[in-house]
Amino acid sequence: DLTGLLSELAAIGFRQFGMAMAAANASAATPGEKGMASA
């Protein structure tokens, strides 16, 4: 049903979202810079 489709689509979004923040975090050096980059 539509809920099933939306849920699978949101799962893709969360994966993309997590990868974007992880990449930003990895690109920074200090803890403060990592937090800023992730935000």
PDB file of all heavy atoms in Angstrom:
ATOM      1  N   ASP A   1       0.850  -1.187   0.000  1.00  0.00           N
ATOM      2  CA  ASP A   1       0.000   0.000   0.000  1.00  0.00           C
ATOM      3  C   ASP A   1       0.886   1.238   0.000  1.00  0.00           C
ATOM      4  O   ASP A   1       2.114   1.136  -0.076  1.00  0.00           O
ATOM      5  CB  ASP A   1      -0.947  -0.003   1.204  1.00  0.00           C
ATOM      6  CG  ASP A   1      -0.210  -0.145   2.538  1.00  0.00           C
ATOM      7  OD1 ASP A   1       1.031   0.043   2.569  1.00  0.00           O
ATOM      8  OD2 ASP A   1      -0.859  -0.433   3.554  1.00  0.00           O
ATOM      9  N   LEU A   2       0.267   2.410   0.092  1.00  0.00           N
ATOM     10  CA  LEU A   2       1.032   3.655   0.034  1.00  0.00           C
ATOM     11  C   LEU A   2       1.972   3.788   1.224  1.00  0.00           C
ATOM     12  O   LEU A   2       3.104   4.265   1.085  1.00  0.00           O
ATOM     13  CB  LEU A   2       0.084   4.853  -0.018  1.00  0.00           C
ATOM     14  CG  LEU A   2       0.743   6.226  -0.163  1.00  0.00           C
ATOM     15  CD1 LEU A   2       1.604   6.290  -1.422  1.00  0.00           C
ATOM     16  CD2 LEU A   2      -0.312   7.326  -0.170  1.00  0.00           C
ATOM     17  N   THR A   3       1.538   3.341   2.406  1.00  0.00           N
ATOM     18  CA  THR A   3       2.407   3.395   3.578  1.00  0.00           C
ATOM     19  C   THR A   3       3.671   2.573   3.364  1.00  0.00           C
ATOM     20  O   THR A   3       4.777   2.993   3.735  1.00  0.00           O
ATOM     21  CB  THR A   3       1.660   2.888   4.829  1.00  0.00           C
ATOM     22  OG1 THR A   3       0.574   3.774   5.113  1.00  0.00           O
ATOM     23  CG2 THR A   3       2.580   2.832   6.041  1.00  0.00           C
ATOM     24  N   GLY A   4       3.522   1.409   2.751  1.00  0.00           N
ATOM     25  CA  GLY A   4       4.684   0.575   2.467  1.00  0.00           C
ATOM     26  C   GLY A   4       5.648   1.258   1.517  1.00  0.00           C
ATOM     27  O   GLY A   4       6.864   1.236   1.722  1.00  0.00           O
ATOM     28  N   LEU A   5       5.121   1.889   0.473  1.00  0.00           N
ATOM     29  CA  LEU A   5       5.968   2.598  -0.484  1.00  0.00           C
ATOM     30  C   LEU A   5       6.674   3.771   0.180  1.00  0.00           C
ATOM     31  O   LEU A   5       7.883   3.965   0.025  1.00  0.00           O
ATOM     32  CB  LEU A   5       5.125   3.085  -1.654  1.00  0.00           C
ATOM     33  CG  LEU A   5       5.835   3.994  -2.666  1.00  0.00           C
ATOM     34  CD1 LEU A   5       6.983   3.250  -3.338  1.00  0.00           C
ATOM     35  CD2 LEU A   5       4.851   4.504  -3.718  1.00  0.00           C
ATOM     36  N   LEU A   6       5.929   4.571   0.956  1.00  0.00           N
ATOM     37  CA  LEU A   6       6.524   5.727   1.627  1.00  0.00           C
ATOM     38  C   LEU A   6       7.605   5.296   2.619  1.00  0.00           C
ATOM     39  O   LEU A   6       8.634   5.971   2.758  1.00  0.00           O
ATOM     40  CB  LEU A   6       5.443   6.529   2.355  1.00  0.00           C
ATOM     41  CG  LEU A   6       4.379   7.202   1.483  1.00  0.00           C
ATOM     42  CD1 LEU A   6       3.366   7.934   2.357  1.00  0.00           C
ATOM     43  CD2 LEU A   6       5.009   8.146   0.479  1.00  0.00           C
ATOM     44  N   SER A   7       7.379   4.198   3.302  1.00  0.00           N
ATOM     45  CA  SER A   7       8.347   3.715   4.291  1.00  0.00           C
ATOM     46  C   SER A   7       9.640   3.272   3.635  1.00  0.00           C
ATOM     47  O   SER A   7      10.741   3.580   4.120  1.00  0.00           O
ATOM     48  CB  SER A   7       7.738   2.558   5.100  1.00  0.00           C
ATOM     49  OG  SER A   7       6.574   2.989   5.787  1.00  0.00           O
ATOM     50  N   GLU A   8       9.529   2.563   2.511  1.00  0.00           N
ATOM     51  CA  GLU A   8      10.739   2.140   1.797  1.00  0.00           C
ATOM     52  C   GLU A   8      11.467   3.340   1.198  1.00  0.00           C
ATOM     53  O   GLU A   8      12.699   3.377   1.152  1.00  0.00           O
ATOM     54  CB  GLU A   8      10.371   1.146   0.693  1.00  0.00           C
ATOM     55  CG  GLU A   8       9.839  -0.187   1.195  1.00  0.00           C
ATOM     56  CD  GLU A   8      10.857  -0.928   2.060  1.00  0.00           C
ATOM     57  OE1 GLU A   8      12.058  -0.894   1.734  1.00  0.00           O
ATOM     58  OE2 GLU A   8      10.437  -1.526   3.065  1.00  0.00           O
ATOM     59  N   LEU A   9      10.709   4.333   0.763  1.00  0.00           N
ATOM     60  CA  LEU A   9      11.322   5.541   0.213  1.00  0.00           C
ATOM     61  C   LEU A   9      12.032   6.328   1.316  1.00  0.00           C
ATOM     62  O   LEU A   9      13.151   6.822   1.113  1.00  0.00           O
ATOM     63  CB  LEU A   9      10.243   6.403  -0.449  1.00  0.00           C
ATOM     64  CG  LEU A   9      10.717   7.639  -1.214  1.00  0.00           C
ATOM     65  CD1 LEU A   9      11.682   7.241  -2.328  1.00  0.00           C
ATOM     66  CD2 LEU A   9       9.522   8.391  -1.796  1.00  0.00           C
ATOM     67  N   ALA A  10      11.402   6.444   2.479  1.00  0.00           N
ATOM     68  CA  ALA A  10      12.031   7.145   3.599  1.00  0.00           C
ATOM     69  C   ALA A  10      13.311   6.438   4.046  1.00  0.00           C
ATOM     70  O   ALA A  10      14.276   7.093   4.467  1.00  0.00           O
ATOM     71  CB  ALA A  10      11.053   7.244   4.778  1.00  0.00           C
ATOM     72  N   ALA A  11      13.333   5.113   3.940  1.00  0.00           N
ATOM     73  CA  ALA A  11      14.548   4.362   4.297  1.00  0.00           C
ATOM     74  C   ALA A  11      15.708   4.777   3.396  1.00  0.00           C
ATOM     75  O   ALA A  11      16.843   4.927   3.856  1.00  0.00           O
ATOM     76  CB  ALA A  11      14.282   2.858   4.173  1.00  0.00           C
ATOM     77  N   ILE A  12      15.430   4.974   2.116  1.00  0.00           N
ATOM     78  CA  ILE A  12      16.466   5.455   1.192  1.00  0.00           C
ATOM     79  C   ILE A  12      16.943   6.829   1.632  1.00  0.00           C
ATOM     80  O   ILE A  12      18.139   7.128   1.645  1.00  0.00           O
ATOM     81  CB  ILE A  12      15.912   5.509  -0.243  1.00  0.00           C
ATOM     82  CG1 ILE A  12      15.641   4.102  -0.764  1.00  0.00           C
ATOM     83  CG2 ILE A  12      16.874   6.247  -1.171  1.00  0.00           C
ATOM     84  CD1 ILE A  12      14.980   4.064  -2.121  1.00  0.00           C
ATOM     85  N   GLY A  13      15.997   7.692   2.013  1.00  0.00           N
ATOM     86  CA  GLY A  13      16.361   9.025   2.471  1.00  0.00           C
ATOM     87  C   GLY A  13      17.260   8.996   3.681  1.00  0.00           C
ATOM     88  O   GLY A  13      18.266   9.725   3.737  1.00  0.00           O
ATOM     89  N   PHE A  14      16.938   8.172   4.649  1.00  0.00           N
ATOM     90  CA  PHE A  14      17.765   8.090   5.858  1.00  0.00           C
ATOM     91  C   PHE A  14      19.166   7.580   5.537  1.00  0.00           C
ATOM     92  O   PHE A  14      20.144   8.035   6.135  1.00  0.00           O
ATOM     93  CB  PHE A  14      17.100   7.186   6.898  1.00  0.00           C
ATOM     94  CG  PHE A  14      16.105   7.900   7.769  1.00  0.00           C
ATOM     95  CD1 PHE A  14      14.754   7.594   7.703  1.00  0.00           C
ATOM     96  CD2 PHE A  14      16.506   8.878   8.661  1.00  0.00           C
ATOM     97  CE1 PHE A  14      13.819   8.251   8.503  1.00  0.00           C
ATOM     98  CE2 PHE A  14      15.594   9.548   9.463  1.00  0.00           C
ATOM     99  CZ  PHE A  14      14.245   9.228   9.379  1.00  0.00           C
ATOM    100  N   ARG A  15      19.264   6.644   4.589  1.00  0.00           N
ATOM    101  CA  ARG A  15      20.587   6.151   4.212  1.00  0.00           C
ATOM    102  C   ARG A  15      21.402   7.245   3.528  1.00  0.00           C
ATOM    103  O   ARG A  15      22.593   7.433   3.829  1.00  0.00           O
ATOM    104  CB  ARG A  15      20.451   4.921   3.302  1.00  0.00           C
ATOM    105  CG  ARG A  15      20.035   3.656   4.037  1.00  0.00           C
ATOM    106  CD  ARG A  15      20.241   2.414   3.196  1.00  0.00           C
ATOM    107  NE  ARG A  15      19.317   2.343   2.083  1.00  0.00           N
ATOM    108  CZ  ARG A  15      18.114   1.759   2.144  1.00  0.00           C
ATOM    109  NH1 ARG A  15      17.713   1.207   3.280  1.00  0.00           N
ATOM    110  NH2 ARG A  15      17.337   1.712   1.076  1.00  0.00           N
ATOM    111  N   GLN A  16      20.787   7.960   2.599  1.00  0.00           N
ATOM    112  CA  GLN A  16      21.471   9.070   1.932  1.00  0.00           C
ATOM    113  C   GLN A  16      21.885  10.135   2.945  1.00  0.00           C
ATOM    114  O   GLN A  16      23.001  10.658   2.891  1.00  0.00           O
ATOM    115  CB  GLN A  16      20.546   9.696   0.883  1.00  0.00           C
ATOM    116  CG  GLN A  16      20.191   8.785  -0.277  1.00  0.00           C
ATOM    117  CD  GLN A  16      19.136   9.408  -1.187  1.00  0.00           C
ATOM    118  OE1 GLN A  16      18.447  10.352  -0.795  1.00  0.00           O
ATOM    119  NE2 GLN A  16      19.012   8.883  -2.390  1.00  0.00           N
ATOM    120  N   PHE A  17      20.985  10.452   3.827  1.00  0.00           N
ATOM    121  CA  PHE A  17      21.188  11.451   4.873  1.00  0.00           C
ATOM    122  C   PHE A  17      22.363  11.070   5.765  1.00  0.00           C
ATOM    123  O   PHE A  17      23.267  11.877   6.029  1.00  0.00           O
ATOM    124  CB  PHE A  17      19.887  11.521   5.678  1.00  0.00           C
ATOM    125  CG  PHE A  17      19.825  12.584   6.728  1.00  0.00           C
ATOM    126  CD1 PHE A  17      20.020  13.914   6.419  1.00  0.00           C
ATOM    127  CD2 PHE A  17      19.504  12.238   8.042  1.00  0.00           C
ATOM    128  CE1 PHE A  17      19.912  14.893   7.393  1.00  0.00           C
ATOM    129  CE2 PHE A  17      19.401  13.207   9.014  1.00  0.00           C
ATOM    130  CZ  PHE A  17      19.606  14.537   8.690  1.00  0.00           C
ATOM    131  N   GLY A  18      22.375   9.816   6.198  1.00  0.00           N
ATOM    132  CA  GLY A  18      23.458   9.340   7.062  1.00  0.00           C
ATOM    133  C   GLY A  18      24.803   9.361   6.369  1.00  0.00           C
ATOM    134  O   GLY A  18      25.819   9.735   6.968  1.00  0.00           O
ATOM    135  N   MET A  19      24.820   8.969   5.084  1.00  0.00           N
ATOM    136  CA  MET A  19      26.080   8.964   4.340  1.00  0.00           C
ATOM    137  C   MET A  19      26.614  10.376   4.144  1.00  0.00           C
ATOM    138  O   MET A  19      27.826  10.610   4.214  1.00  0.00           O
ATOM    139  CB  MET A  19      25.894   8.268   2.998  1.00  0.00           C
ATOM    140  CG  MET A  19      25.741   6.763   3.111  1.00  0.00           C
ATOM    141  SD  MET A  19      25.783   5.909   1.499  1.00  0.00           S
ATOM    142  CE  MET A  19      24.258   6.502   0.755  1.00  0.00           C
ATOM    143  N   ALA A  20      25.718  11.341   3.917  1.00  0.00           N
ATOM    144  CA  ALA A  20      26.142  12.732   3.732  1.00  0.00           C
ATOM    145  C   ALA A  20      26.778  13.274   5.003  1.00  0.00           C
ATOM    146  O   ALA A  20      27.834  13.934   4.959  1.00  0.00           O
ATOM    147  CB  ALA A  20      24.949  13.594   3.330  1.00  0.00           C
ATOM    148  N   MET A  21      26.186  12.986   6.139  1.00  0.00           N
ATOM    149  CA  MET A  21      26.745  13.477   7.405  1.00  0.00           C
ATOM    150  C   MET A  21      28.045  12.750   7.758  1.00  0.00           C
ATOM    151  O   MET A  21      28.977  13.357   8.274  1.00  0.00           O
ATOM    152  CB  MET A  21      25.724  13.342   8.529  1.00  0.00           C
ATOM    153  CG  MET A  21      24.594  14.357   8.421  1.00  0.00           C
ATOM    154  SD  MET A  21      23.655  14.508   9.951  1.00  0.00           S
ATOM    155  CE  MET A  21      22.919  12.874  10.043  1.00  0.00           C
ATOM    156  N   ALA A  22      28.103  11.450   7.467  1.00  0.00           N
ATOM    157  CA  ALA A  22      29.324  10.689   7.750  1.00  0.00           C
ATOM    158  C   ALA A  22      30.489  11.205   6.916  1.00  0.00           C
ATOM    159  O   ALA A  22      31.617  11.332   7.402  1.00  0.00           O
ATOM    160  CB  ALA A  22      29.085   9.209   7.485  1.00  0.00           C
ATOM    161  N   ALA A  23      30.222  11.515   5.647  1.00  0.00           N
ATOM    162  CA  ALA A  23      31.274  12.034   4.774  1.00  0.00           C
ATOM    163  C   ALA A  23      31.756  13.389   5.265  1.00  0.00           C
ATOM    164  O   ALA A  23      32.965  13.680   5.262  1.00  0.00           O
ATOM    165  CB  ALA A  23      30.756  12.143   3.345  1.00  0.00           C
ATOM    166  N   ALA A  24      30.826  14.233   5.698  1.00  0.00           N
ATOM    167  CA  ALA A  24      31.203  15.547   6.216  1.00  0.00           C
ATOM    168  C   ALA A  24      32.023  15.404   7.498  1.00  0.00           C
ATOM    169  O   ALA A  24      33.022  16.103   7.690  1.00  0.00           O
ATOM    170  CB  ALA A  24      29.946  16.375   6.479  1.00  0.00           C
ATOM    171  N   ASN A  25      31.603  14.484   8.335  1.00  0.00           N
ATOM    172  CA  ASN A  25      32.318  14.254   9.589  1.00  0.00           C
ATOM    173  C   ASN A  25      33.748  13.780   9.329  1.00  0.00           C
ATOM    174  O   ASN A  25      34.697  14.241   9.970  1.00  0.00           O
ATOM    175  CB  ASN A  25      31.554  13.224  10.426  1.00  0.00           C
ATOM    176  CG  ASN A  25      32.150  13.020  11.803  1.00  0.00           C
ATOM    177  OD1 ASN A  25      33.140  12.319  11.965  1.00  0.00           O
ATOM    178  ND2 ASN A  25      31.537  13.626  12.796  1.00  0.00           N
ATOM    179  N   ALA A  26      33.907  12.886   8.369  1.00  0.00           N
ATOM    180  CA  ALA A  26      35.225  12.336   8.053  1.00  0.00           C
ATOM    181  C   ALA A  26      36.145  13.371   7.434  1.00  0.00           C
ATOM    182  O   ALA A  26      37.374  13.246   7.512  1.00  0.00           O
ATOM    183  CB  ALA A  26      35.081  11.139   7.116  1.00  0.00           C
ATOM    184  N   SER A  27      35.580  14.405   6.818  1.00  0.00           N
ATOM    185  CA  SER A  27      36.401  15.413   6.141  1.00  0.00           C
ATOM    186  C   SER A  27      36.982  16.447   7.106  1.00  0.00           C
ATOM    187  O   SER A  27      37.842  17.231   6.713  1.00  0.00           O
ATOM    188  CB  SER A  27      35.564  16.139   5.084  1.00  0.00           C
ATOM    189  OG  SER A  27      34.556  16.935   5.704  1.00  0.00           O
ATOM    190  N   ALA A  28      36.492  16.463   8.341  1.00  0.00           N
ATOM    191  CA  ALA A  28      36.953  17.452   9.323  1.00  0.00           C
ATOM    192  C   ALA A  28      38.001  16.840  10.247  1.00  0.00           C
ATOM    193  O   ALA A  28      38.099  15.617  10.376  1.00  0.00           O
ATOM    194  CB  ALA A  28      35.775  17.982  10.121  1.00  0.00           C
ATOM    195  N   ALA A  29      38.764  17.706  10.908  1.00  0.00           N
ATOM    196  CA  ALA A  29      39.878  17.235  11.741  1.00  0.00           C
ATOM    197  C   ALA A  29      39.516  17.177  13.225  1.00  0.00           C
ATOM    198  O   ALA A  29      39.560  16.118  13.845  1.00  0.00           O
ATOM    199  CB  ALA A  29      41.098  18.135  11.524  1.00  0.00           C
ATOM    200  N   THR A  30      39.151  18.302  13.812  1.00  0.00           N
ATOM    201  CA  THR A  30      38.906  18.366  15.254  1.00  0.00           C
ATOM    202  C   THR A  30      37.445  18.024  15.559  1.00  0.00           C
ATOM    203  O   THR A  30      36.579  18.128  14.684  1.00  0.00           O
ATOM    204  CB  THR A  30      39.220  19.771  15.783  1.00  0.00           C
ATOM    205  OG1 THR A  30      38.257  20.696  15.234  1.00  0.00           O
ATOM    206  CG2 THR A  30      40.624  20.191  15.386  1.00  0.00           C
ATOM    207  N   PRO A  31      37.149  17.660  16.818  1.00  0.00           N
ATOM    208  CA  PRO A  31      35.758  17.384  17.182  1.00  0.00           C
ATOM    209  C   PRO A  31      34.820  18.548  16.892  1.00  0.00           C
ATOM    210  O   PRO A  31      33.700  18.350  16.408  1.00  0.00           O
ATOM    211  CB  PRO A  31      35.847  17.093  18.685  1.00  0.00           C
ATOM    212  CG  PRO A  31      37.229  16.567  18.884  1.00  0.00           C
ATOM    213  CD  PRO A  31      38.078  17.331  17.926  1.00  0.00           C
ATOM    214  N   GLY A  32      35.279  19.766  17.176  1.00  0.00           N
ATOM    215  CA  GLY A  32      34.444  20.923  16.904  1.00  0.00           C
ATOM    216  C   GLY A  32      34.152  21.088  15.422  1.00  0.00           C
ATOM    217  O   GLY A  32      33.020  21.398  15.023  1.00  0.00           O
ATOM    218  N   GLU A  33      35.158  20.884  14.602  1.00  0.00           N
ATOM    219  CA  GLU A  33      34.990  20.991  13.153  1.00  0.00           C
ATOM    220  C   GLU A  33      34.088  19.883  12.619  1.00  0.00           C
ATOM    221  O   GLU A  33      33.315  20.092  11.691  1.00  0.00           O
ATOM    222  CB  GLU A  33      36.355  20.934  12.467  1.00  0.00           C
ATOM    223  CG  GLU A  33      37.221  22.166  12.713  1.00  0.00           C
ATOM    224  CD  GLU A  33      38.635  21.994  12.180  1.00  0.00           C
ATOM    225  OE1 GLU A  33      39.003  20.840  11.838  1.00  0.00           O
ATOM    226  OE2 GLU A  33      39.362  22.993  12.108  1.00  0.00           O
ATOM    227  N   LYS A  34      34.198  18.701  13.229  1.00  0.00           N
ATOM    228  CA  LYS A  34      33.349  17.584  12.805  1.00  0.00           C
ATOM    229  C   LYS A  34      31.879  17.890  13.076  1.00  0.00           C
ATOM    230  O   LYS A  34      31.010  17.648  12.232  1.00  0.00           O
ATOM    231  CB  LYS A  34      33.757  16.303  13.533  1.00  0.00           C
ATOM    232  CG  LYS A  34      35.071  15.704  13.061  1.00  0.00           C
ATOM    233  CD  LYS A  34      35.415  14.453  13.852  1.00  0.00           C
ATOM    234  CE  LYS A  34      36.725  13.828  13.384  1.00  0.00           C
ATOM    235  NZ  LYS A  34      36.639  13.302  12.006  1.00  0.00           N
ATOM    236  N   GLY A  35      31.609  18.427  14.245  1.00  0.00           N
ATOM    237  CA  GLY A  35      30.231  18.778  14.570  1.00  0.00           C
ATOM    238  C   GLY A  35      29.684  19.842  13.638  1.00  0.00           C
ATOM    239  O   GLY A  35      28.536  19.774  13.182  1.00  0.00           O
ATOM    240  N   MET A  36      30.507  20.838  13.333  1.00  0.00           N
ATOM    241  CA  MET A  36      30.101  21.912  12.426  1.00  0.00           C
ATOM    242  C   MET A  36      29.836  21.362  11.027  1.00  0.00           C
ATOM    243  O   MET A  36      28.837  21.702  10.386  1.00  0.00           O
ATOM    244  CB  MET A  36      31.197  22.967  12.374  1.00  0.00           C
ATOM    245  CG  MET A  36      30.798  24.268  11.734  1.00  0.00           C
ATOM    246  SD  MET A  36      29.886  25.357  12.839  1.00  0.00           S
ATOM    247  CE  MET A  36      31.168  25.863  13.982  1.00  0.00           C
ATOM    248  N   ALA A  37      30.736  20.506  10.549  1.00  0.00           N
ATOM    249  CA  ALA A  37      30.590  19.938   9.205  1.00  0.00           C
ATOM    250  C   ALA A  37      29.345  19.066   9.109  1.00  0.00           C
ATOM    251  O   ALA A  37      28.620  19.106   8.103  1.00  0.00           O
ATOM    252  CB  ALA A  37      31.837  19.136   8.848  1.00  0.00           C
ATOM    253  N   SER A  38      29.085  18.287  10.139  1.00  0.00           N
ATOM    254  CA  SER A  38      27.907  17.411  10.138  1.00  0.00           C
ATOM    255  C   SER A  38      26.619  18.232  10.119  1.00  0.00           C
ATOM    256  O   SER A  38      25.663  17.899   9.407  1.00  0.00           O
ATOM    257  CB  SER A  38      27.921  16.495  11.359  1.00  0.00           C
ATOM    258  OG  SER A  38      29.018  15.613  11.313  1.00  0.00           O
ATOM    259  N   ALA A  39      26.596  19.316  10.906  1.00  0.00           N
ATOM    260  CA  ALA A  39      25.409  20.166  10.947  1.00  0.00           C
ATOM    261  C   ALA A  39      25.153  20.811   9.590  1.00  0.00           C
ATOM    262  O   ALA A  39      24.006  20.885   9.122  1.00  0.00           O
ATOM    263  CB  ALA A  39      25.583  21.241  12.022  1.00  0.00           C
TER     264      ALA A  39
END
